[in-house]
Structure formats: C-alpha cells, structure tokens
C-alpha atoms as a PDB file:
ATOM      1  CA  MET A   1       0.000   0.000   0.000  1.00  0.00           C
ATOM      2  CA  THR A   2       1.366   3.362  -1.006  1.00  0.00           C
ATOM      3  CA  PHE A   3       1.803   6.158   1.520  1.00  0.00           C
ATOM      4  CA  HIS A   4      -0.781   8.349  -0.243  1.00  0.00           C
ATOM      5  CA  ARG A   5      -3.368   5.555  -0.336  1.00  0.00           C
ATOM      6  CA  PHE A   6      -2.783   4.809   3.368  1.00  0.00           C
ATOM      7  CA  THR A   7      -3.107   8.484   4.200  1.00  0.00           C
ATOM      8  CA  GLY A   8      -6.366   8.719   2.228  1.00  0.00           C
ATOM      9  CA  LEU A   9      -7.833   5.720   4.009  1.00  0.00           C
ATOM     10  CA  LEU A  10      -6.755   7.136   7.348  1.00  0.00           C
ATOM     11  CA  LEU A  11      -8.362  10.501   6.594  1.00  0.00           C
ATOM     12  CA  ALA A  12     -11.561   8.814   5.430  1.00  0.00           C
ATOM     13  CA  ALA A  13     -11.719   6.702   8.566  1.00  0.00           C
ATOM     14  CA  THR A  14     -11.079   9.752  10.721  1.00  0.00           C
ATOM     15  CA  ALA A  15     -13.816  11.688   8.932  1.00  0.00           C
ATOM     16  CA  SER A  16     -16.255   8.809   9.362  1.00  0.00           C
ATOM     17  CA  PHE A  17     -15.419   8.570  13.054  1.00  0.00           C
ATOM     18  CA  THR A  18     -15.866  12.334  13.444  1.00  0.00           C
ATOM     19  CA  ILE A  19     -19.243  12.260  11.728  1.00  0.00           C
ATOM     20  CA  ALA A  20     -20.375   9.303  13.833  1.00  0.00           C
ATOM     21  CA  THR A  21     -19.181  10.974  17.008  1.00  0.00           C
ATOM     22  CA  ALA A  22     -20.978  14.195  16.113  1.00  0.00           C
ATOM     23  CA  ALA A  23     -24.156  12.252  15.440  1.00  0.00           C
ATOM     24  CA  ASN A  24     -23.886  10.426  18.749  1.00  0.00           C
ATOM     25  CA  ALA A  25     -23.133  13.666  20.573  1.00  0.00           C
ATOM     26  CA  GLN A  26     -26.680  14.847  19.985  1.00  0.00           C
ATOM     27  CA  ASP A  27     -28.958  12.077  18.792  1.00  0.00           C
ATOM     28  CA  TYR A  28     -32.125  13.557  20.285  1.00  0.00           C
ATOM     29  CA  THR A  29     -33.447  17.020  21.103  1.00  0.00           C
ATOM     30  CA  LEU A  30     -36.386  17.928  23.345  1.00  0.00           C
ATOM     31  CA  SER A  31     -37.822  21.463  23.241  1.00  0.00           C
ATOM     32  CA  VAL A  32     -39.515  22.505  26.487  1.00  0.00           C
ATOM     33  CA  ASN A  33     -42.123  25.269  26.453  1.00  0.00           C
ATOM     34  CA  THR A  34     -43.239  27.174  29.539  1.00  0.00           C
ATOM     35  CA  ALA A  35     -45.394  30.247  30.089  1.00  0.00           C
ATOM     36  CA  LEU A  36     -43.016  31.304  32.864  1.00  0.00           C
ATOM     37  CA  ALA A  37     -40.363  33.981  32.609  1.00  0.00           C
ATOM     38  CA  THR A  38     -36.686  33.253  33.161  1.00  0.00           C
ATOM     39  CA  ASN A  39     -36.732  35.020  36.547  1.00  0.00           C
ATOM     40  CA  ASP A  40     -39.342  32.625  37.932  1.00  0.00           C
ATOM     41  CA  PRO A  41     -37.851  30.321  40.615  1.00  0.00           C
ATOM     42  CA  LEU A  42     -39.245  27.338  38.719  1.00  0.00           C
ATOM     43  CA  TYR A  43     -37.038  28.190  35.759  1.00  0.00           C
ATOM     44  CA  ALA A  44     -33.951  27.328  37.782  1.00  0.00           C
ATOM     45  CA  GLY A  45     -35.304  23.794  37.974  1.00  0.00           C
ATOM     46  CA  LEU A  46     -35.656  23.669  34.199  1.00  0.00           C
ATOM     47  CA  GLU A  47     -32.078  24.854  33.809  1.00  0.00           C
ATOM     48  CA  SER A  48     -30.974  22.121  36.207  1.00  0.00           C
ATOM     49  CA  PHE A  49     -32.923  19.623  34.075  1.00  0.00           C
ATOM     50  CA  VAL A  50     -31.065  20.745  30.943  1.00  0.00           C
ATOM     51  CA  GLU A  51     -27.696  20.387  32.642  1.00  0.00           C
ATOM     52  CA  LYS A  52     -28.293  17.015  34.278  1.00  0.00           C
ATOM     53  CA  VAL A  53     -29.810  15.394  31.190  1.00  0.00           C
ATOM     54  CA  ALA A  54     -26.858  16.519  29.068  1.00  0.00           C
ATOM     55  CA  GLU A  55     -24.424  15.236  31.686  1.00  0.00           C
ATOM     56  CA  ARG A  56     -26.021  11.828  32.239  1.00  0.00           C
ATOM     57  CA  SER A  57     -26.670  11.200  28.554  1.00  0.00           C
ATOM     58  CA  ASP A  58     -23.116  12.171  27.536  1.00  0.00           C
ATOM     59  CA  GLY A  59     -24.622  14.772  25.238  1.00  0.00           C
ATOM     60  CA  ARG A  60     -26.813  12.329  23.315  1.00  0.00           C
ATOM     61  CA  LEU A  61     -29.966  14.131  24.446  1.00  0.00           C
ATOM     62  CA  GLU A  62     -30.224  17.910  24.413  1.00  0.00           C
ATOM     63  CA  VAL A  63     -33.013  19.796  26.194  1.00  0.00           C
ATOM     64  CA  ARG A  64     -33.791  23.311  24.935  1.00  0.00           C
ATOM     65  CA  LEU A  65     -35.881  25.793  26.913  1.00  0.00           C
ATOM     66  CA  PHE A  66     -38.463  28.203  25.510  1.00  0.00           C
ATOM     67  CA  PRO A  67     -39.777  30.565  28.227  1.00  0.00           C
ATOM     68  CA  ASN A  68     -42.637  33.038  27.868  1.00  0.00           C
ATOM     69  CA  SER A  69     -44.615  30.566  25.714  1.00  0.00           C
ATOM     70  CA  GLN A  70     -42.296  31.029  22.747  1.00  0.00           C
ATOM     71  CA  LEU A  71     -43.611  27.836  21.155  1.00  0.00           C
ATOM     72  CA  GLY A  72     -47.214  28.898  21.662  1.00  0.00           C
ATOM     73  CA  PRO A  73     -49.984  28.464  24.260  1.00  0.00           C
ATOM     74  CA  ASP A  74     -49.838  25.329  26.399  1.00  0.00           C
ATOM     75  CA  GLU A  75     -52.790  23.771  24.605  1.00  0.00           C
ATOM     76  CA  ASP A  76     -51.072  24.164  21.221  1.00  0.00           C
ATOM     77  CA  VAL A  77     -47.867  22.545  22.470  1.00  0.00           C
ATOM     78  CA  LEU A  78     -49.867  19.676  23.963  1.00  0.00           C
ATOM     79  CA  GLU A  79     -51.349  19.096  20.518  1.00  0.00           C
ATOM     80  CA  GLN A  80     -47.877  19.177  18.961  1.00  0.00           C
ATOM     81  CA  ALA A  81     -46.754  16.549  21.464  1.00  0.00           C
ATOM     82  CA  ARG A  82     -49.848  14.506  20.781  1.00  0.00           C
ATOM     83  CA  ALA A  83     -48.895  14.502  17.108  1.00  0.00           C
ATOM     84  CA  GLY A  84     -45.463  13.107  17.960  1.00  0.00           C
ATOM     85  CA  ALA A  85     -43.324  16.249  17.950  1.00  0.00           C
ATOM     86  CA  PRO A  86     -40.230  16.269  20.243  1.00  0.00           C
ATOM     87  CA  VAL A  87     -41.684  18.950  22.502  1.00  0.00           C
ATOM     88  CA  ALA A  88     -42.658  19.138  26.150  1.00  0.00           C
ATOM     89  CA  VAL A  89     -44.651  21.648  28.148  1.00  0.00           C
ATOM     90  CA  VAL A  90     -44.977  22.591  31.809  1.00  0.00           C
ATOM     91  CA  VAL A  91     -48.704  22.159  32.282  1.00  0.00           C
ATOM     92  CA  ASP A  92     -51.314  21.858  35.040  1.00  0.00           C
ATOM     93  CA  GLY A  93     -53.612  18.903  35.620  1.00  0.00           C
ATOM     94  CA  GLY A  94     -56.688  20.842  34.577  1.00  0.00           C
ATOM     95  CA  ARG A  95     -55.541  20.911  30.965  1.00  0.00           C
ATOM     96  CA  LEU A  96     -54.950  17.156  31.032  1.00  0.00           C
ATOM     97  CA  ALA A  97     -58.356  16.409  32.533  1.00  0.00           C
ATOM     98  CA  VAL A  98     -59.932  16.642  29.072  1.00  0.00           C
ATOM     99  CA  PHE A  99     -58.086  13.371  28.362  1.00  0.00           C
ATOM    100  CA  VAL A 100     -58.064  11.715  31.813  1.00  0.00           C
ATOM    101  CA  ASN A 101     -60.554  13.201  34.252  1.00  0.00           C
ATOM    102  CA  GLU A 102     -58.570  12.283  37.358  1.00  0.00           C
ATOM    103  CA  PHE A 103     -55.864  14.823  36.556  1.00  0.00           C
ATOM    104  CA  GLY A 104     -58.336  17.630  37.111  1.00  0.00           C
ATOM    105  CA  ILE A 105     -58.491  17.112  40.854  1.00  0.00           C
ATOM    106  CA  LEU A 106     -54.900  18.357  41.148  1.00  0.00           C
ATOM    107  CA  GLY A 107     -56.244  21.851  40.460  1.00  0.00           C
ATOM    108  CA  ALA A 108     -59.274  21.584  42.723  1.00  0.00           C
ATOM    109  CA  PRO A 109     -59.679  24.202  45.480  1.00  0.00           C
ATOM    110  CA  TYR A 110     -57.980  23.808  48.843  1.00  0.00           C
ATOM    111  CA  LEU A 111     -56.879  20.235  48.155  1.00  0.00           C
ATOM    112  CA  ALA A 112     -53.549  20.608  49.940  1.00  0.00           C
ATOM    113  CA  GLN A 113     -51.230  23.315  51.204  1.00  0.00           C
ATOM    114  CA  GLY A 114     -47.571  23.671  50.299  1.00  0.00           C
ATOM    115  CA  TYR A 115     -45.402  21.320  48.284  1.00  0.00           C
ATOM    116  CA  ASP A 116     -44.666  18.317  50.454  1.00  0.00           C
ATOM    117  CA  GLY A 117     -48.253  17.118  50.715  1.00  0.00           C
ATOM    118  CA  ILE A 118     -49.098  17.365  47.039  1.00  0.00           C
ATOM    119  CA  ARG A 119     -45.753  15.747  46.156  1.00  0.00           C
ATOM    120  CA  LYS A 120     -46.944  12.581  47.876  1.00  0.00           C
ATOM    121  CA  VAL A 121     -49.868  12.465  45.461  1.00  0.00           C
ATOM    122  CA  VAL A 122     -47.897  12.964  42.245  1.00  0.00           C
ATOM    123  CA  THR A 123     -45.288  10.345  43.173  1.00  0.00           C
ATOM    124  CA  SER A 124     -47.826   7.728  44.315  1.00  0.00           C
ATOM    125  CA  ASP A 125     -48.718   4.427  42.661  1.00  0.00           C
ATOM    126  CA  ILE A 126     -52.206   5.781  41.987  1.00  0.00           C
ATOM    127  CA  PHE A 127     -50.785   8.735  40.094  1.00  0.00           C
ATOM    128  CA  GLU A 128     -48.617   6.415  37.997  1.00  0.00           C
ATOM    129  CA  GLU A 129     -51.822   4.653  36.970  1.00  0.00           C
ATOM    130  CA  TRP A 130     -53.083   8.019  35.712  1.00  0.00           C
ATOM    131  CA  VAL A 131     -49.831   8.426  33.764  1.00  0.00           C
ATOM    132  CA  ASP A 132     -50.486   5.115  31.977  1.00  0.00           C
ATOM    133  CA  MET A 133     -54.100   6.117  31.338  1.00  0.00           C
ATOM    134  CA  LEU A 134     -52.927   9.381  29.769  1.00  0.00           C
ATOM    135  CA  ARG A 135     -50.600   7.542  27.393  1.00  0.00           C
ATOM    136  CA  GLU A 136     -53.496   5.434  26.178  1.00  0.00           C
ATOM    137  CA  ALA A 137     -56.017   8.264  26.022  1.00  0.00           C
ATOM    138  CA  SER A 138     -54.045  11.056  24.387  1.00  0.00           C
ATOM    139  CA  GLY A 139     -50.540   9.900  23.505  1.00  0.00           C
ATOM    140  CA  HIS A 140     -48.860  12.081  26.147  1.00  0.00           C
ATOM    141  CA  GLN A 141     -46.031  10.983  28.415  1.00  0.00           C
ATOM    142  CA  VAL A 142     -45.620  12.525  31.853  1.00  0.00           C
ATOM    143  CA  LEU A 143     -41.945  12.930  32.721  1.00  0.00           C
ATOM    144  CA  SER A 144     -42.703  14.135  36.250  1.00  0.00           C
ATOM    145  CA  PHE A 145     -45.477  16.102  37.902  1.00  0.00           C
ATOM    146  CA  ASN A 146     -43.731  17.611  40.911  1.00  0.00           C
ATOM    147  CA  TRP A 147     -43.248  21.163  39.592  1.00  0.00           C
ATOM    148  CA  TRP A 148     -44.867  23.251  42.336  1.00  0.00           C
ATOM    149  CA  GLN A 149     -45.444  26.881  41.447  1.00  0.00           C
ATOM    150  CA  GLY A 150     -46.998  28.028  44.714  1.00  0.00           C
ATOM    151  CA  GLU A 151     -50.527  28.760  45.836  1.00  0.00           C
ATOM    152  CA  ARG A 152     -52.680  30.932  43.604  1.00  0.00           C
ATOM    153  CA  HIS A 153     -54.179  34.171  44.897  1.00  0.00           C
ATOM    154  CA  VAL A 154     -56.617  36.812  43.663  1.00  0.00           C
ATOM    155  CA  VAL A 155     -54.948  39.814  42.017  1.00  0.00           C
ATOM    156  CA  THR A 156     -57.116  42.878  41.381  1.00  0.00           C
ATOM    157  CA  LYS A 157     -57.412  46.674  41.372  1.00  0.00           C
ATOM    158  CA  LYS A 158     -59.649  46.671  44.440  1.00  0.00           C
ATOM    159  CA  ALA A 159     -59.624  45.203  47.938  1.00  0.00           C
ATOM    160  CA  ILE A 160     -61.184  41.746  48.207  1.00  0.00           C
ATOM    161  CA  LYS A 161     -62.222  40.365  51.587  1.00  0.00           C
ATOM    162  CA  THR A 162     -65.034  37.909  50.825  1.00  0.00           C
ATOM    163  CA  PRO A 163     -66.496  36.153  47.765  1.00  0.00           C
ATOM    164  CA  ALA A 164     -69.179  38.856  47.629  1.00  0.00           C
ATOM    165  CA  ASP A 165     -66.470  41.393  46.766  1.00  0.00           C
ATOM    166  CA  LEU A 166     -65.725  39.461  43.570  1.00  0.00           C
ATOM    167  CA  ALA A 167     -69.242  39.812  42.169  1.00  0.00           C
ATOM    168  CA  GLY A 168     -68.972  41.052  38.574  1.00  0.00           C
ATOM    169  CA  GLN A 169     -65.176  40.978  38.632  1.00  0.00           C
ATOM    170  CA  ARG A 170     -63.787  39.402  35.467  1.00  0.00           C
ATOM    171  CA  LEU A 171     -60.806  37.282  36.492  1.00  0.00           C
ATOM    172  CA  ARG A 172     -58.523  35.597  34.015  1.00  0.00           C
ATOM    173  CA  THR A 173     -58.089  31.891  34.600  1.00  0.00           C
ATOM    174  CA  PRO A 174     -57.016  28.938  32.455  1.00  0.00           C
ATOM    175  CA  GLY A 175     -59.872  27.402  30.487  1.00  0.00           C
ATOM    176  CA  ALA A 176     -59.962  23.986  32.182  1.00  0.00           C
ATOM    177  CA  PRO A 177     -63.283  23.094  33.884  1.00  0.00           C
ATOM    178  CA  VAL A 178     -61.822  22.820  37.387  1.00  0.00           C
ATOM    179  CA  TRP A 179     -60.376  26.345  37.174  1.00  0.00           C
ATOM    180  CA  LEU A 180     -63.549  27.820  35.685  1.00  0.00           C
ATOM    181  CA  GLU A 181     -65.743  26.176  38.320  1.00  0.00           C
ATOM    182  CA  THR A 182     -63.478  27.304  41.156  1.00  0.00           C
ATOM    183  CA  VAL A 183     -63.313  30.944  40.082  1.00  0.00           C
ATOM    184  CA  ALA A 184     -67.069  31.047  39.488  1.00  0.00           C
ATOM    185  CA  ALA A 185     -67.705  29.529  42.920  1.00  0.00           C
ATOM    186  CA  MET A 186     -65.508  32.229  44.445  1.00  0.00           C
ATOM    187  CA  GLY A 187     -67.940  34.785  43.064  1.00  0.00           C
ATOM    188  CA  ALA A 188     -66.030  36.126  40.044  1.00  0.00           C
ATOM    189  CA  VAL A 189     -66.629  35.873  36.315  1.00  0.00           C
ATOM    190  CA  PRO A 190     -64.032  33.388  34.983  1.00  0.00           C
ATOM    191  CA  THR A 191     -62.423  34.699  31.809  1.00  0.00           C
ATOM    192  CA  PRO A 192     -60.056  32.326  29.989  1.00  0.00           C
ATOM    193  CA  MET A 193     -57.171  33.792  28.009  1.00  0.00           C
ATOM    194  CA  PRO A 194     -53.454  33.090  27.480  1.00  0.00           C
ATOM    195  CA  PHE A 195     -51.381  34.291  30.415  1.00  0.00           C
ATOM    196  CA  ALA A 196     -49.206  36.376  28.091  1.00  0.00           C
ATOM    197  CA  GLU A 197     -52.236  38.595  27.403  1.00  0.00           C
ATOM    198  CA  VAL A 198     -53.112  39.299  31.044  1.00  0.00           C
ATOM    199  CA  TYR A 199     -50.991  42.428  31.525  1.00  0.00           C
ATOM    200  CA  SER A 200     -52.531  44.299  28.609  1.00  0.00           C
ATOM    201  CA  ALA A 201     -56.020  42.964  29.382  1.00  0.00           C
ATOM    202  CA  ILE A 202     -55.871  44.409  32.901  1.00  0.00           C
ATOM    203  CA  GLN A 203     -54.295  47.625  31.657  1.00  0.00           C
ATOM    204  CA  GLN A 204     -57.087  48.079  29.105  1.00  0.00           C
ATOM    205  CA  ASN A 205     -59.851  47.059  31.554  1.00  0.00           C
ATOM    206  CA  VAL A 206     -60.793  44.002  29.521  1.00  0.00           C
ATOM    207  CA  ILE A 207     -60.582  42.148  32.842  1.00  0.00           C
ATOM    208  CA  GLU A 208     -60.449  43.398  36.424  1.00  0.00           C
ATOM    209  CA  GLY A 209     -57.736  41.006  37.491  1.00  0.00           C
ATOM    210  CA  THR A 210     -56.524  37.449  37.550  1.00  0.00           C
ATOM    211  CA  GLU A 211     -55.740  34.625  39.929  1.00  0.00           C
ATOM    212  CA  VAL A 212     -52.101  33.647  39.937  1.00  0.00           C
ATOM    213  CA  GLN A 213     -49.159  32.471  42.026  1.00  0.00           C
ATOM    214  CA  LEU A 214     -46.728  35.125  43.273  1.00  0.00           C
ATOM    215  CA  PRO A 215     -43.679  34.159  41.149  1.00  0.00           C
ATOM    216  CA  ALA A 216     -45.701  34.371  37.944  1.00  0.00           C
ATOM    217  CA  LEU A 217     -47.250  37.661  39.081  1.00  0.00           C
ATOM    218  CA  VAL A 218     -43.882  39.411  39.273  1.00  0.00           C
ATOM    219  CA  GLY A 219     -42.542  37.491  36.279  1.00  0.00           C
ATOM    220  CA  ALA A 220     -45.252  39.154  34.191  1.00  0.00           C
ATOM    221  CA  ASN A 221     -44.830  42.529  35.978  1.00  0.00           C
ATOM    222  CA  LEU A 222     -48.492  42.538  36.960  1.00  0.00           C
ATOM    223  CA  GLN A 223     -47.616  44.664  39.996  1.00  0.00           C
ATOM    224  CA  GLU A 224     -47.530  47.553  37.499  1.00  0.00           C
ATOM    225  CA  VAL A 225     -51.222  47.232  36.648  1.00  0.00           C
ATOM    226  CA  ILE A 226     -52.849  45.942  39.867  1.00  0.00           C
ATOM    227  CA  THR A 227     -53.031  47.286  43.415  1.00  0.00           C
ATOM    228  CA  HIS A 228     -54.169  44.365  45.581  1.00  0.00           C
ATOM    229  CA  VAL A 229     -53.112  40.775  46.135  1.00  0.00           C
ATOM    230  CA  THR A 230     -55.646  38.877  48.213  1.00  0.00           C
ATOM    231  CA  MET A 231     -53.961  35.800  49.703  1.00  0.00           C
ATOM    232  CA  THR A 232     -56.745  33.303  49.097  1.00  0.00           C
ATOM    233  CA  GLY A 233     -54.438  30.368  48.324  1.00  0.00           C
ATOM    234  CA  HIS A 234     -57.406  28.749  46.612  1.00  0.00           C
ATOM    235  CA  ILE A 235     -55.405  26.471  44.311  1.00  0.00           C
ATOM    236  CA  ASN A 236     -52.155  24.729  45.211  1.00  0.00           C
ATOM    237  CA  LEU A 237     -50.567  24.842  41.772  1.00  0.00           C
ATOM    238  CA  ILE A 238     -48.740  21.644  40.954  1.00  0.00           C
ATOM    239  CA  THR A 239     -47.684  21.207  37.348  1.00  0.00           C
ATOM    240  CA  GLY A 240     -45.989  18.565  35.270  1.00  0.00           C
ATOM    241  CA  LEU A 241     -43.517  18.186  32.455  1.00  0.00           C
ATOM    242  CA  VAL A 242     -45.418  16.431  29.676  1.00  0.00           C
ATOM    243  CA  THR A 243     -44.118  15.259  26.301  1.00  0.00           C
ATOM    244  CA  SER A 244     -45.061  13.026  23.379  1.00  0.00           C
ATOM    245  CA  ALA A 245     -45.430   9.339  24.219  1.00  0.00           C
ATOM    246  CA  SER A 246     -44.609   8.269  20.664  1.00  0.00           C
ATOM    247  CA  TRP A 247     -41.439  10.391  20.641  1.00  0.00           C
ATOM    248  CA  PHE A 248     -40.520   9.167  24.128  1.00  0.00           C
ATOM    249  CA  ASP A 249     -40.830   5.576  22.916  1.00  0.00           C
ATOM    250  CA  THR A 250     -38.227   6.194  20.194  1.00  0.00           C
ATOM    251  CA  LEU A 251     -35.592   6.880  22.852  1.00  0.00           C
ATOM    252  CA  PRO A 252     -33.236   4.152  24.003  1.00  0.00           C
ATOM    253  CA  GLU A 253     -34.320   2.779  27.358  1.00  0.00           C
ATOM    254  CA  ASP A 254     -31.459   4.406  29.238  1.00  0.00           C
ATOM    255  CA  LEU A 255     -32.474   7.854  27.936  1.00  0.00           C
ATOM    256  CA  GLN A 256     -36.087   7.222  28.940  1.00  0.00           C
ATOM    257  CA  VAL A 257     -34.928   6.471  32.479  1.00  0.00           C
ATOM    258  CA  ILE A 258     -32.662   9.526  32.533  1.00  0.00           C
ATOM    259  CA  LEU A 259     -35.463  11.833  31.396  1.00  0.00           C
ATOM    260  CA  ARG A 260     -37.923  10.682  34.039  1.00  0.00           C
ATOM    261  CA  GLU A 261     -35.408  10.533  36.891  1.00  0.00           C
ATOM    262  CA  GLU A 262     -33.928  13.942  36.125  1.00  0.00           C
ATOM    263  CA  ALA A 263     -37.364  15.498  35.600  1.00  0.00           C
ATOM    264  CA  LEU A 264     -38.318  14.377  39.109  1.00  0.00           C
ATOM    265  CA  ALA A 265     -35.046  15.638  40.608  1.00  0.00           C
ATOM    266  CA  ALA A 266     -35.333  18.968  38.771  1.00  0.00           C
ATOM    267  CA  GLY A 267     -38.945  19.305  39.928  1.00  0.00           C
ATOM    268  CA  ASP A 268     -37.695  19.203  43.501  1.00  0.00           C
ATOM    269  CA  VAL A 269     -35.080  21.858  42.726  1.00  0.00           C
ATOM    270  CA  ALA A 270     -37.781  24.038  41.203  1.00  0.00           C
ATOM    271  CA  SER A 271     -40.358  23.494  43.922  1.00  0.00           C
ATOM    272  CA  TYR A 272     -38.156  24.019  46.961  1.00  0.00           C
ATOM    273  CA  GLY A 273     -36.630  27.026  45.235  1.00  0.00           C
ATOM    274  CA  THR A 274     -40.121  28.418  44.772  1.00  0.00           C
ATOM    275  CA  ALA A 275     -40.933  27.859  48.441  1.00  0.00           C
ATOM    276  CA  ASP A 276     -37.756  29.682  49.469  1.00  0.00           C
ATOM    277  CA  ALA A 277     -38.555  32.648  47.223  1.00  0.00           C
ATOM    278  CA  LEU A 278     -42.145  33.375  48.279  1.00  0.00           C
ATOM    279  CA  ALA A 279     -41.476  35.535  51.339  1.00  0.00           C
ATOM    280  CA  GLY A 280     -39.034  37.714  49.415  1.00  0.00           C
ATOM    281  CA  ILE A 281     -41.475  38.162  46.533  1.00  0.00           C
ATOM    282  CA  GLU A 282     -44.211  39.239  48.933  1.00  0.00           C
ATOM    283  CA  ALA A 283     -41.870  41.757  50.557  1.00  0.00           C
ATOM    284  CA  ASP A 284     -40.928  43.158  47.147  1.00  0.00           C
ATOM    285  CA  LEU A 285     -44.590  43.577  46.235  1.00  0.00           C
ATOM    286  CA  VAL A 286     -45.263  45.527  49.413  1.00  0.00           C
ATOM    287  CA  ALA A 287     -42.201  47.687  48.757  1.00  0.00           C
ATOM    288  CA  ALA A 288     -43.585  48.394  45.279  1.00  0.00           C
ATOM    289  CA  GLY A 289     -46.776  49.746  46.805  1.00  0.00           C
ATOM    290  CA  VAL A 290     -49.003  46.714  46.304  1.00  0.00           C
ATOM    291  CA  SER A 291     -51.355  45.850  49.161  1.00  0.00           C
ATOM    292  CA  VAL A 292     -50.868  42.195  50.102  1.00  0.00           C
ATOM    293  CA  ASP A 293     -53.938  41.261  52.130  1.00  0.00           C
ATOM    294  CA  HIS A 294     -53.913  38.206  54.380  1.00  0.00           C
ATOM    295  CA  ILE A 295     -57.578  37.442  54.962  1.00  0.00           C
ATOM    296  CA  ASP A 296     -59.735  34.836  56.649  1.00  0.00           C
ATOM    297  CA  ILE A 297     -60.071  32.303  53.830  1.00  0.00           C
ATOM    298  CA  THR A 298     -62.945  30.405  55.487  1.00  0.00           C
ATOM    299  CA  PRO A 299     -65.639  32.038  53.283  1.00  0.00           C
ATOM    300  CA  PHE A 300     -63.691  31.043  50.166  1.00  0.00           C
ATOM    301  CA  VAL A 301     -63.199  27.474  51.390  1.00  0.00           C
ATOM    302  CA  GLU A 302     -66.915  27.199  52.034  1.00  0.00           C
ATOM    303  CA  ALA A 303     -67.858  28.828  48.730  1.00  0.00           C
ATOM    304  CA  THR A 304     -65.749  26.414  46.680  1.00  0.00           C
ATOM    305  CA  SER A 305     -66.559  23.197  48.533  1.00  0.00           C
ATOM    306  CA  GLY A 306     -69.238  22.288  45.990  1.00  0.00           C
ATOM    307  CA  VAL A 307     -66.718  22.192  43.119  1.00  0.00           C
ATOM    308  CA  TYR A 308     -65.790  18.613  44.022  1.00  0.00           C
ATOM    309  CA  ASP A 309     -69.405  17.457  43.738  1.00  0.00           C
ATOM    310  CA  SER A 310     -70.104  19.350  40.516  1.00  0.00           C
ATOM    311  CA  LEU A 311     -67.090  17.794  38.802  1.00  0.00           C
ATOM    312  CA  GLY A 312     -67.560  14.313  40.277  1.00  0.00           C
ATOM    313  CA  TYR A 313     -64.445  14.406  42.439  1.00  0.00           C
ATOM    314  CA  SER A 314     -65.967  13.752  45.868  1.00  0.00           C
ATOM    315  CA  GLY A 315     -64.813  10.135  46.147  1.00  0.00           C
ATOM    316  CA  LEU A 316     -61.425  10.856  44.643  1.00  0.00           C
ATOM    317  CA  ARG A 317     -60.980  13.734  47.074  1.00  0.00           C
ATOM    318  CA  VAL A 318     -61.143  11.327  50.031  1.00  0.00           C
ATOM    319  CA  LEU A 319     -58.530   9.103  48.404  1.00  0.00           C
ATOM    320  CA  ILE A 320     -56.206  12.042  47.707  1.00  0.00           C
ATOM    321  CA  GLU A 321     -56.589  13.448  51.212  1.00  0.00           C
ATOM    322  CA  ASP A 322     -55.627  10.040  52.619  1.00  0.00           C
ATOM    323  CA  ILE A 323     -52.419  10.076  50.551  1.00  0.00           C
ATOM    324  CA  VAL A 324     -51.636  13.661  51.616  1.00  0.00           C
ATOM    325  CA  GLY A 325     -52.137  12.729  55.267  1.00  0.00           C
ATOM    326  CA  GLU A 326     -49.839   9.696  55.192  1.00  0.00           C
END
C-alpha cells in the first residue's frame, strides 16, 4: 500500500469517526415550552434539568428551553406533542383532565397546602396509573409532575375580603373546567385567556384582574397594573412536564430512564426554590406599593366546597386526602 493511499484511508476513517461521534453527541433534542419567565424560581429547575440530562446522557440528548410561551400556548404545544413532535410543556392537571378526568383534581380548590403534601400524590402508585391512562387516552407521556409553582391568589385593582367582593369581577383563569368552576364559585366571572395577554387585558380594563401564584405575578410585571393581592391560596398549583409518548418511545431505554429521573429531581429543585422565594417576593410587592392582604379564607373554602361534587371528584378527594395525610 502506497503512503498516499494509506493516508487517504486514514483521513476517510477519521472523517467517518468524526461524523459518527458528532451524530452520537446529539442524537435527540427535546424542546420545552413554559409560560413562565426566566426570573421565575421554577425556571432554575428547568435549567438544572437541561444540565443534568446533558451530563447523564453524555450529550446524546439535548433539552432546549423556551420561556414566555415562545412555542405557543400550552394547549397548542400539547397538541404538537400529541402529534409526535419532540416537545414538552410545563402544564397543570386541569388541561390534562380533558383526556383523563382524574388529573383535574390536582387543580381543585384547597386540596392541599404547600409542596410536600401534594408531592406525595404525584409520586404515588395511583398517580402512575393516571400516567399510563394518559398515554393510552391522548398519547402524552408525563416525565414528572412535581413542579410546584406556589398557591394561587386573587390579584385585582380593588380590595377583596369575601367572595361577595368578587361579584362582577372578570378574572382571568385557564380554560380547564376545574379552574372555571373554582373561580365562578368564588364569586367572580371566569375569563379564559393566554397568560401572556393578562398584563394588557388588565391595563385596558378588559378584565379586572386574575388569579395567579406570586412568582408568575412578578414574572409578568403585573404589579404595574394591579393594586391588591388577596392571599386566598385557593389552588395549590402543581404542574408537570409532559411530552409526546410516541417520541418518548423512540428513545433508548437508558435515555427514557434519565429523562424521568432527572425530571423528578429537577422538579424538587424548582419546587423548593419556589418555596424559598415566596417571602421575598411578597416583601418586594409591598415595597412596590401593592397591598398584600392576608384574609380569613374560610368564606372562600366554604364557597368552593361544591366544586368537588359538581365535577364528580368527591370520592377521589377522600382518596387524595388520605395520601396527603400519610
């Protein structure tokens, strides 16, 4: 073999190895959409997810983040995932209840307080049964559902003390039945719209306010267009990272395990980070001139108690409360 022929073969082999290595370095990509801004405490969990997945997969799987709903409203991204696209979305149970009704109870009023209790539910064997049901019903794969965003409160331009004060007040809420029923039971007029539109809708008096968790409130700068935060804590917002089941099934088994394990670990990072940030966010709101009103929530608890019956969740509520109390 001549020197030139040997050199050519060596270069060809090197090129082939380089191409193969490059292909292996990033065999799969997952695009994650979230309505949250990058300054939301939950976003730190998503960044941790990106880092850990890349590390454990040796770069074979890349996760890309799209904050502020850059890929579209949650419902649109869910449909993309359903069609098999390599996308995921941080989404609440209410939006999944159209496929599997049980998910809706996660957004029901006053189900649990704080993160630790609701985490027991979304890591239980019963919840994993719901995950399997969702795969069959809609083609979605839950990676984890322990992304706690805090308790949701009423945010308005006027003081709210009781449900009667919400009469005629148009409050933005997601369009899922459990959210609509809860806001209506609280006395307001539920008004679904994308969260990205809330600031301008309040500013232009299309709505009088919204109900939202504190990190998302400041992430959207709503403190610029509202004057009161009424600490109703009516919904304990737990969300999940949901992707396409058909895309998920194309992954090698080790990458499937990595995705689910790291999604759970990152959910804890996000949730405990959120818990640590809440007091500081409240203090910042007060410093900005917003009235943060801690009220007796008993009238709101009583007003929303019928939501469980109207949506057929009474029996499931007992089961969930048993898990929370364990």
